[in-house]
């Protein structure tokens, strides 16, 4: 007995896609990472900024991505960079003469 077909895994992000995400998010950092307010940063503007990031990533990638994938990858990347920075800071304070 066979169940429903297994969901295929999406390929990893290529270096070009990662570079595109990092540069495009950095260009729109205020809009993408900022808080929503009625004057400068609305949900429509935020979604438009993510759409521009999506277009840039899909232009260089071999796989067509969607906004949710890019948002999740961007958030995961920020978390891993913060963890690495905290770990480096922790070990930098522990080096020296004992």
Protein backbone atom coordinates (compact mmCIF):
# COMPACT_ATOMS: atom_id res chain seq x y z
CA UNK A 1 0.00 0.00 0.00
CA UNK A 2 1.34 3.31 -1.00
CA UNK A 3 0.49 6.53 0.72
CA UNK A 4 0.53 9.96 -0.81
CA UNK A 5 3.71 10.78 -2.71
CA UNK A 6 6.51 12.19 -0.58
CA UNK A 7 7.03 15.91 -0.81
CA UNK A 8 10.24 16.68 -2.68
CA UNK A 9 12.85 18.74 -0.92
CA UNK A 10 13.76 22.08 -2.47
CA UNK A 11 17.41 22.50 -3.50
CA UNK A 12 19.72 24.53 -1.30
CA UNK A 13 20.23 28.20 -2.06
CA UNK A 14 23.18 28.74 -4.39
CA UNK A 15 25.95 31.22 -3.59
CA UNK A 16 24.52 33.64 -6.16
CA UNK A 17 21.08 33.45 -4.54
CA UNK A 18 22.53 34.01 -1.05
CA UNK A 19 24.53 36.99 -2.31
CA UNK A 20 21.43 38.41 -4.00
CA UNK A 21 19.38 38.03 -0.81
CA UNK A 22 22.03 39.67 1.36
CA UNK A 23 22.62 42.62 -0.98
CA UNK A 24 18.95 43.25 -1.78
CA UNK A 25 17.85 43.02 1.86
CA UNK A 26 20.71 45.35 2.83
CA UNK A 27 19.49 47.90 0.25
CA UNK A 28 15.99 47.78 1.73
CA UNK A 29 16.92 47.17 5.37
CA UNK A 30 14.83 50.01 6.79
CA UNK A 31 11.73 48.86 4.92
CA UNK A 32 12.09 45.10 5.36
CA UNK A 33 13.31 44.95 8.94
CA UNK A 34 11.62 48.11 10.24
CA UNK A 35 8.46 48.28 12.27
CA UNK A 36 5.15 49.00 10.62
CA UNK A 37 3.91 52.56 11.03
CA UNK A 38 1.33 54.50 9.13
CA UNK A 39 3.63 57.11 7.64
CA UNK A 40 6.82 55.45 6.38
CA UNK A 41 6.49 51.68 6.46
CA UNK A 42 3.18 50.13 5.47
CA UNK A 43 2.46 46.47 4.83
CA UNK A 44 2.07 47.19 1.11
CA UNK A 45 5.50 48.84 0.95
CA UNK A 46 7.02 45.98 2.92
CA UNK A 47 5.48 43.39 0.58
CA UNK A 48 6.67 45.39 -2.43
CA UNK A 49 10.23 45.42 -1.03
CA UNK A 50 10.13 41.64 -0.54
CA UNK A 51 8.83 41.31 -4.10
CA UNK A 52 11.85 43.23 -5.39
CA UNK A 53 14.16 40.92 -3.42
CA UNK A 54 12.29 37.94 -4.89
CA UNK A 55 12.75 39.23 -8.44
CA UNK A 56 16.49 39.72 -7.88
CA UNK A 57 16.89 36.20 -6.45
CA UNK A 58 14.87 34.56 -9.21
CA UNK A 59 16.94 36.44 -11.81
CA UNK A 60 20.16 34.75 -10.67
CA UNK A 61 18.84 31.42 -9.40
CA UNK A 62 18.25 28.14 -11.14
CA UNK A 63 15.13 27.44 -9.06
CA UNK A 64 12.10 29.70 -8.89
CA UNK A 65 11.66 30.75 -5.25
CA UNK A 66 8.71 32.34 -3.48
CA UNK A 67 8.61 35.17 -0.94
CA UNK A 68 8.03 32.84 2.02
CA UNK A 69 11.18 30.85 1.25
CA UNK A 70 13.27 33.99 0.96
CA UNK A 71 11.87 35.51 4.15
CA UNK A 72 12.54 32.29 6.09
CA UNK A 73 16.07 31.98 4.68
CA UNK A 74 16.81 35.62 5.49
CA UNK A 75 15.59 35.21 9.07
CA UNK A 76 17.58 31.98 9.54
CA UNK A 77 20.69 33.63 8.13
CA UNK A 78 20.37 36.59 10.52
CA UNK A 79 19.99 34.21 13.48
CA UNK A 80 23.04 32.15 12.51
CA UNK A 81 25.18 35.27 12.03
CA UNK A 82 24.12 36.60 15.44
CA UNK A 83 24.92 33.25 17.09
CA UNK A 84 28.36 33.16 15.48
CA UNK A 85 29.08 36.74 16.54
CA UNK A 86 28.03 35.96 20.12
CA UNK A 87 30.19 32.84 20.16
CA UNK A 88 33.20 34.75 18.79
CA UNK A 89 32.70 37.45 21.41
CA UNK A 90 32.46 34.83 24.16
CA UNK A 91 35.73 33.16 23.15
CA UNK A 92 37.53 36.45 22.51
CA UNK A 93 36.97 37.43 26.13
CA UNK A 94 38.36 34.12 27.35
CA UNK A 95 41.70 34.23 25.58
CA UNK A 96 44.83 35.57 27.17
CA UNK A 97 47.08 34.70 30.10
CA UNK A 98 45.75 32.50 32.84
